Amino acid sequence: MEDYKFYYNDSFVLITSEPAQMKEKFAKVLESDIDIQAFIANHDFLFDGNTNDSILILSSEPKKVFDALTKDLDVITAGGGLVFNEHNELLLIHRRGYWDMAKGKIEKNERKIDGAEREVTEETGVGIAKVSVAPIITYHVYFMKGKRCLKDTYWYKMQATPGQSKLVPQTEEDITDVRWVKLSELPEYKAGCYPLIWDLIATYVLHKA
């Protein structure tokens, strides 16, 4: 059964049916139906911009809990890339004070995989030779312009066209730097990454799940 993990502020909520997840440290662990329903009814703090407590919800129906928590949110669908070059270096961008990976909003009637590749090229100038078929999906909830939003981002592993040395940051999207980073040097970037982005890197690039 699938787990659901969504980030808010600098922390996350993990919804799972697997009791083994309890070995990790969480500020709150919700197991009873009463506690879970109370949380669903009173989760405004997820959008206050301040609270940062990692929360574990242990349920036999993770998807049902996830759907209940997110049913009234404005959904924004985005696509992005875990992009590698021929030297097995990872592509990072620097935007608004954080190290990130290229991603952006999927356009209407655009396939997610096509939108993800388009966004990578637009934001970095990097051409893509190959894109994985199966996406990695992340979830992020936040408050913006008076609305509660859920961004579901479809990440694809991508292989850059060889021989590309010129990287072009899309400055109109507040990107100030684009660079290839050796895998051995990635831990040096952890403190400057959003927790969601570092989770992706640790799990799917460094394989330290």
C-alpha atoms as a PDB file:
ATOM      1  CA  MET A   1       0.000   0.000   0.000  1.00  0.00           C
ATOM      2  CA  GLU A   2       1.331   3.420  -0.946  1.00  0.00           C
ATOM      3  CA  ASP A   3       2.556   5.981   1.578  1.00  0.00           C
ATOM      4  CA  TYR A   4       1.699   9.682   1.215  1.00  0.00           C
ATOM      5  CA  LYS A   5       4.165  12.320   2.326  1.00  0.00           C
ATOM      6  CA  PHE A   6       3.413  15.986   1.928  1.00  0.00           C
ATOM      7  CA  TYR A   7       5.541  18.902   2.975  1.00  0.00           C
ATOM      8  CA  TYR A   8       4.380  22.059   4.671  1.00  0.00           C
ATOM      9  CA  ASN A   9       6.703  24.899   5.671  1.00  0.00           C
ATOM     10  CA  ASP A  10       9.962  23.067   6.496  1.00  0.00           C
ATOM     11  CA  SER A  11       8.394  19.858   7.741  1.00  0.00           C
ATOM     12  CA  PHE A  12       6.054  17.100   6.573  1.00  0.00           C
ATOM     13  CA  VAL A  13       3.138  14.799   7.279  1.00  0.00           C
ATOM     14  CA  LEU A  14       3.661  11.111   6.513  1.00  0.00           C
ATOM     15  CA  ILE A  15       0.536   8.987   6.095  1.00  0.00           C
ATOM     16  CA  THR A  16       1.302   5.274   6.119  1.00  0.00           C
ATOM     17  CA  SER A  17      -0.095   1.866   7.013  1.00  0.00           C
ATOM     18  CA  GLU A  18       3.374   0.602   7.974  1.00  0.00           C
ATOM     19  CA  PRO A  19       4.022   0.573  11.769  1.00  0.00           C
ATOM     20  CA  ALA A  20       7.775   0.240  11.123  1.00  0.00           C
ATOM     21  CA  GLN A  21       7.775   3.947  10.212  1.00  0.00           C
ATOM     22  CA  MET A  22       7.312   4.674  13.920  1.00  0.00           C
ATOM     23  CA  LYS A  23      11.016   4.010  14.510  1.00  0.00           C
ATOM     24  CA  GLU A  24      11.706   7.473  13.082  1.00  0.00           C
ATOM     25  CA  LYS A  25      11.353  10.572  15.248  1.00  0.00           C
ATOM     26  CA  PHE A  26       8.100  12.492  14.894  1.00  0.00           C
ATOM     27  CA  ALA A  27       6.716  15.355  16.964  1.00  0.00           C
ATOM     28  CA  LYS A  28       3.289  13.693  16.793  1.00  0.00           C
ATOM     29  CA  VAL A  29       2.117  10.162  16.039  1.00  0.00           C
ATOM     30  CA  LEU A  30      -1.592   9.722  15.321  1.00  0.00           C
ATOM     31  CA  GLU A  31      -2.970   6.188  15.353  1.00  0.00           C
ATOM     32  CA  SER A  32      -6.558   6.192  16.611  1.00  0.00           C
ATOM     33  CA  ASP A  33      -9.466   7.049  14.333  1.00  0.00           C
ATOM     34  CA  ILE A  34     -10.538   9.736  16.799  1.00  0.00           C
ATOM     35  CA  ASP A  35      -7.130  11.461  16.692  1.00  0.00           C
ATOM     36  CA  ILE A  36      -6.899  11.191  12.915  1.00  0.00           C
ATOM     37  CA  GLN A  37     -10.373  12.640  12.376  1.00  0.00           C
ATOM     38  CA  ALA A  38      -9.598  15.459  14.822  1.00  0.00           C
ATOM     39  CA  PHE A  39      -6.447  16.245  12.854  1.00  0.00           C
ATOM     40  CA  ILE A  40      -8.360  16.268   9.549  1.00  0.00           C
ATOM     41  CA  ALA A  41     -10.891  18.679  11.072  1.00  0.00           C
ATOM     42  CA  ASN A  42      -8.251  20.983  12.576  1.00  0.00           C
ATOM     43  CA  HIS A  43      -5.185  21.210  10.360  1.00  0.00           C
ATOM     44  CA  ASP A  44      -5.121  24.981   9.766  1.00  0.00           C
ATOM     45  CA  PHE A  45      -1.624  25.202  11.230  1.00  0.00           C
ATOM     46  CA  LEU A  46      -0.241  23.512   8.124  1.00  0.00           C
ATOM     47  CA  PHE A  47      -0.757  26.834   6.349  1.00  0.00           C
ATOM     48  CA  ASP A  48       0.386  29.285   9.035  1.00  0.00           C
ATOM     49  CA  GLY A  49       3.930  29.571   7.694  1.00  0.00           C
ATOM     50  CA  ASN A  50       5.427  28.983  11.133  1.00  0.00           C
ATOM     51  CA  THR A  51       4.709  25.535  12.562  1.00  0.00           C
ATOM     52  CA  ASN A  52       7.297  22.901  11.673  1.00  0.00           C
ATOM     53  CA  ASP A  53       6.498  19.569  13.308  1.00  0.00           C
ATOM     54  CA  SER A  54       6.949  16.279  11.471  1.00  0.00           C
ATOM     55  CA  ILE A  55       3.792  14.235  11.949  1.00  0.00           C
ATOM     56  CA  LEU A  56       3.132  10.527  11.403  1.00  0.00           C
ATOM     57  CA  ILE A  57      -0.399   9.312  10.691  1.00  0.00           C
ATOM     58  CA  LEU A  58      -0.737   5.555  10.945  1.00  0.00           C
ATOM     59  CA  SER A  59      -3.832   4.378   9.084  1.00  0.00           C
ATOM     60  CA  SER A  60      -5.030   1.259   7.302  1.00  0.00           C
ATOM     61  CA  GLU A  61      -6.298   3.579   4.528  1.00  0.00           C
ATOM     62  CA  PRO A  62      -3.549   6.141   3.759  1.00  0.00           C
ATOM     63  CA  LYS A  63      -5.129   7.354   0.514  1.00  0.00           C
ATOM     64  CA  LYS A  64      -8.460   8.014   2.229  1.00  0.00           C
ATOM     65  CA  VAL A  65      -6.726  10.172   4.858  1.00  0.00           C
ATOM     66  CA  PHE A  66      -4.663  11.994   2.227  1.00  0.00           C
ATOM     67  CA  ASP A  67      -7.764  12.717   0.138  1.00  0.00           C
ATOM     68  CA  ALA A  68      -9.623  14.040   3.184  1.00  0.00           C
ATOM     69  CA  LEU A  69      -6.753  16.380   4.084  1.00  0.00           C
ATOM     70  CA  THR A  70      -6.358  17.771   0.575  1.00  0.00           C
ATOM     71  CA  LYS A  71      -9.889  17.664  -0.885  1.00  0.00           C
ATOM     72  CA  ASP A  72     -10.558  21.407  -0.546  1.00  0.00           C
ATOM     73  CA  LEU A  73      -7.194  22.666  -1.787  1.00  0.00           C
ATOM     74  CA  ASP A  74      -6.413  24.381  -5.095  1.00  0.00           C
ATOM     75  CA  VAL A  75      -4.288  21.867  -7.000  1.00  0.00           C
ATOM     76  CA  ILE A  76      -1.288  23.014  -9.027  1.00  0.00           C
ATOM     77  CA  THR A  77       0.467  20.387 -11.134  1.00  0.00           C
ATOM     78  CA  ALA A  78       4.145  20.829 -11.897  1.00  0.00           C
ATOM     79  CA  GLY A  79       6.907  18.859 -13.583  1.00  0.00           C
ATOM     80  CA  GLY A  80      10.640  18.779 -13.041  1.00  0.00           C
ATOM     81  CA  GLY A  81      13.814  16.818 -13.518  1.00  0.00           C
ATOM     82  CA  LEU A  82      16.519  14.973 -11.652  1.00  0.00           C
ATOM     83  CA  VAL A  83      18.974  15.684 -14.454  1.00  0.00           C
ATOM     84  CA  PHE A  84      22.344  13.984 -14.896  1.00  0.00           C
ATOM     85  CA  ASN A  85      25.103  14.630 -17.418  1.00  0.00           C
ATOM     86  CA  GLU A  86      27.536  12.168 -18.964  1.00  0.00           C
ATOM     87  CA  HIS A  87      29.799  12.544 -15.912  1.00  0.00           C
ATOM     88  CA  ASN A  88      26.972  11.480 -13.572  1.00  0.00           C
ATOM     89  CA  GLU A  89      26.740  14.969 -12.094  1.00  0.00           C
ATOM     90  CA  LEU A  90      23.384  16.353 -10.908  1.00  0.00           C
ATOM     91  CA  LEU A  91      21.925  19.606 -12.204  1.00  0.00           C
ATOM     92  CA  LEU A  92      21.027  22.157  -9.497  1.00  0.00           C
ATOM     93  CA  ILE A  93      19.617  25.655  -9.701  1.00  0.00           C
ATOM     94  CA  HIS A  94      19.737  28.487  -7.156  1.00  0.00           C
ATOM     95  CA  ARG A  95      16.456  30.339  -6.752  1.00  0.00           C
ATOM     96  CA  ARG A  96      15.302  32.782  -4.065  1.00  0.00           C
ATOM     97  CA  GLY A  97      18.033  31.808  -1.653  1.00  0.00           C
ATOM     98  CA  TYR A  98      17.762  28.021  -1.967  1.00  0.00           C
ATOM     99  CA  TRP A  99      19.333  25.254  -3.998  1.00  0.00           C
ATOM    100  CA  ASP A 100      16.633  23.523  -5.992  1.00  0.00           C
ATOM    101  CA  MET A 101      16.067  21.411  -9.089  1.00  0.00           C
ATOM    102  CA  ALA A 102      14.465  22.720 -12.254  1.00  0.00           C
ATOM    103  CA  LYS A 103      10.665  22.459 -12.271  1.00  0.00           C
ATOM    104  CA  GLY A 104       7.598  24.445 -13.233  1.00  0.00           C
ATOM    105  CA  LYS A 105       3.882  24.445 -13.870  1.00  0.00           C
ATOM    106  CA  ILE A 106       2.446  22.046 -16.432  1.00  0.00           C
ATOM    107  CA  GLU A 107       0.495  23.871 -19.106  1.00  0.00           C
ATOM    108  CA  LYS A 108      -3.081  23.064 -20.043  1.00  0.00           C
ATOM    109  CA  ASN A 109      -3.349  19.969 -22.271  1.00  0.00           C
ATOM    110  CA  GLU A 110       0.397  19.346 -21.911  1.00  0.00           C
ATOM    111  CA  ARG A 111       1.638  15.883 -20.999  1.00  0.00           C
ATOM    112  CA  LYS A 112       3.416  15.898 -17.633  1.00  0.00           C
ATOM    113  CA  ILE A 113       6.542  14.287 -19.055  1.00  0.00           C
ATOM    114  CA  ASP A 114       6.715  16.893 -21.842  1.00  0.00           C
ATOM    115  CA  GLY A 115       6.142  19.762 -19.452  1.00  0.00           C
ATOM    116  CA  ALA A 116       8.861  18.535 -17.113  1.00  0.00           C
ATOM    117  CA  GLU A 117      11.404  18.409 -19.946  1.00  0.00           C
ATOM    118  CA  ARG A 118      10.310  21.823 -21.217  1.00  0.00           C
ATOM    119  CA  GLU A 119      10.706  23.397 -17.796  1.00  0.00           C
ATOM    120  CA  VAL A 120      14.202  21.968 -17.343  1.00  0.00           C
ATOM    121  CA  THR A 121      15.365  23.383 -20.666  1.00  0.00           C
ATOM    122  CA  GLU A 122      13.682  26.761 -20.119  1.00  0.00           C
ATOM    123  CA  GLU A 123      15.140  27.204 -16.646  1.00  0.00           C
ATOM    124  CA  THR A 124      18.674  25.968 -17.318  1.00  0.00           C
ATOM    125  CA  GLY A 125      19.359  25.897 -21.069  1.00  0.00           C
ATOM    126  CA  VAL A 126      20.115  22.171 -20.865  1.00  0.00           C
ATOM    127  CA  GLY A 127      18.904  19.921 -23.680  1.00  0.00           C
ATOM    128  CA  ILE A 128      17.611  16.488 -22.722  1.00  0.00           C
ATOM    129  CA  ALA A 129      18.479  13.252 -24.523  1.00  0.00           C
ATOM    130  CA  LYS A 130      16.465  10.773 -22.457  1.00  0.00           C
ATOM    131  CA  VAL A 131      13.639  10.905 -19.914  1.00  0.00           C
ATOM    132  CA  SER A 132      12.498   8.115 -17.607  1.00  0.00           C
ATOM    133  CA  VAL A 133       8.917   6.971 -18.096  1.00  0.00           C
ATOM    134  CA  ALA A 134       7.914   6.579 -14.443  1.00  0.00           C
ATOM    135  CA  PRO A 135       7.689   9.802 -12.416  1.00  0.00           C
ATOM    136  CA  ILE A 136       8.432  10.388  -8.751  1.00  0.00           C
ATOM    137  CA  ILE A 137       5.542  12.391  -7.266  1.00  0.00           C
ATOM    138  CA  THR A 138       5.975  14.860  -4.405  1.00  0.00           C
ATOM    139  CA  TYR A 139       3.346  16.913  -2.577  1.00  0.00           C
ATOM    140  CA  HIS A 140       3.648  20.369  -1.039  1.00  0.00           C
ATOM    141  CA  VAL A 141       0.879  22.322   0.703  1.00  0.00           C
ATOM    142  CA  TYR A 142       1.077  26.083   1.208  1.00  0.00           C
ATOM    143  CA  PHE A 143      -0.905  29.313   1.468  1.00  0.00           C
ATOM    144  CA  MET A 144      -0.642  31.789  -1.420  1.00  0.00           C
ATOM    145  CA  LYS A 145      -2.717  34.828  -2.406  1.00  0.00           C
ATOM    146  CA  GLY A 146      -5.454  33.924   0.039  1.00  0.00           C
ATOM    147  CA  LYS A 147      -5.724  30.332  -1.181  1.00  0.00           C
ATOM    148  CA  ARG A 148      -4.701  26.996   0.288  1.00  0.00           C
ATOM    149  CA  CYS A 149      -2.777  25.130  -2.371  1.00  0.00           C
ATOM    150  CA  LEU A 150      -1.495  21.642  -3.059  1.00  0.00           C
ATOM    151  CA  LYS A 151       1.350  21.366  -5.548  1.00  0.00           C
ATOM    152  CA  ASP A 152       1.859  17.879  -6.896  1.00  0.00           C
ATOM    153  CA  THR A 153       5.132  17.732  -8.791  1.00  0.00           C
ATOM    154  CA  TYR A 154       6.005  14.961 -11.229  1.00  0.00           C
ATOM    155  CA  TRP A 155       9.783  14.462 -11.249  1.00  0.00           C
ATOM    156  CA  TYR A 156      11.482  12.492 -14.003  1.00  0.00           C
ATOM    157  CA  LYS A 157      15.027  11.228 -14.098  1.00  0.00           C
ATOM    158  CA  MET A 158      16.649  12.755 -17.168  1.00  0.00           C
ATOM    159  CA  GLN A 159      19.886  12.333 -19.076  1.00  0.00           C
ATOM    160  CA  ALA A 160      21.269  15.517 -20.584  1.00  0.00           C
ATOM    161  CA  THR A 161      22.532  15.628 -24.152  1.00  0.00           C
ATOM    162  CA  PRO A 162      26.327  15.133 -23.903  1.00  0.00           C
ATOM    163  CA  GLY A 163      28.781  17.969 -24.377  1.00  0.00           C
ATOM    164  CA  GLN A 164      26.728  20.794 -22.872  1.00  0.00           C
ATOM    165  CA  SER A 165      28.912  23.189 -20.931  1.00  0.00           C
ATOM    166  CA  LYS A 166      26.865  26.375 -21.319  1.00  0.00           C
ATOM    167  CA  LEU A 167      24.234  26.713 -18.598  1.00  0.00           C
ATOM    168  CA  VAL A 168      21.735  29.574 -18.841  1.00  0.00           C
ATOM    169  CA  PRO A 169      19.761  30.492 -15.688  1.00  0.00           C
ATOM    170  CA  GLN A 170      16.256  31.771 -16.421  1.00  0.00           C
ATOM    171  CA  THR A 171      16.564  35.063 -14.563  1.00  0.00           C
ATOM    172  CA  GLU A 172      12.918  36.025 -15.105  1.00  0.00           C
ATOM    173  CA  GLU A 173      12.092  33.045 -12.874  1.00  0.00           C
ATOM    174  CA  ASP A 174      14.508  34.332 -10.205  1.00  0.00           C
ATOM    175  CA  ILE A 175      17.149  31.719 -11.012  1.00  0.00           C
ATOM    176  CA  THR A 176      20.598  33.140 -10.327  1.00  0.00           C
ATOM    177  CA  ASP A 177      22.833  30.090 -10.776  1.00  0.00           C
ATOM    178  CA  VAL A 178      22.805  26.746 -12.569  1.00  0.00           C
ATOM    179  CA  ARG A 179      25.518  24.168 -12.043  1.00  0.00           C
ATOM    180  CA  TRP A 180      26.495  20.535 -12.361  1.00  0.00           C
ATOM    181  CA  VAL A 181      27.390  19.013  -8.982  1.00  0.00           C
ATOM    182  CA  LYS A 182      29.387  15.860  -8.343  1.00  0.00           C
ATOM    183  CA  LEU A 183      27.478  13.325  -6.268  1.00  0.00           C
ATOM    184  CA  SER A 184      30.266  13.292  -3.682  1.00  0.00           C
ATOM    185  CA  GLU A 185      29.795  17.050  -3.190  1.00  0.00           C
ATOM    186  CA  LEU A 186      25.992  17.024  -2.831  1.00  0.00           C
ATOM    187  CA  PRO A 187      25.999  16.776   1.004  1.00  0.00           C
ATOM    188  CA  GLU A 188      27.617  20.225   1.043  1.00  0.00           C
ATOM    189  CA  TYR A 189      24.374  21.604  -0.438  1.00  0.00           C
ATOM    190  CA  LYS A 190      22.006  20.011   2.089  1.00  0.00           C
ATOM    191  CA  ALA A 191      21.764  23.031   4.406  1.00  0.00           C
ATOM    192  CA  GLY A 192      20.842  25.255   1.468  1.00  0.00           C
ATOM    193  CA  CYS A 193      18.120  22.986   0.043  1.00  0.00           C
ATOM    194  CA  TYR A 194      14.433  22.865   0.770  1.00  0.00           C
ATOM    195  CA  PRO A 195      13.717  19.732   2.862  1.00  0.00           C
ATOM    196  CA  LEU A 196      11.580  18.282   0.058  1.00  0.00           C
ATOM    197  CA  ILE A 197      14.393  18.729  -2.470  1.00  0.00           C
ATOM    198  CA  TRP A 198      16.981  17.198  -0.164  1.00  0.00           C
ATOM    199  CA  ASP A 199      14.639  14.261   0.464  1.00  0.00           C
ATOM    200  CA  LEU A 200      14.516  13.649  -3.293  1.00  0.00           C
ATOM    201  CA  ILE A 201      18.296  13.877  -3.609  1.00  0.00           C
ATOM    202  CA  ALA A 202      18.964  11.623  -0.619  1.00  0.00           C
ATOM    203  CA  THR A 203      16.449   8.999  -1.702  1.00  0.00           C
ATOM    204  CA  TYR A 204      16.742   8.887  -5.483  1.00  0.00           C
ATOM    205  CA  VAL A 205      20.264  10.191  -6.169  1.00  0.00           C
ATOM    206  CA  LEU A 206      22.332   9.194  -3.140  1.00  0.00           C
ATOM    207  CA  HIS A 207      20.029   6.249  -2.309  1.00  0.00           C
ATOM    208  CA  LYS A 208      20.018   6.958   1.411  1.00  0.00           C
ATOM    209  CA  ALA A 209      16.343   6.354   2.102  1.00  0.00           C
END
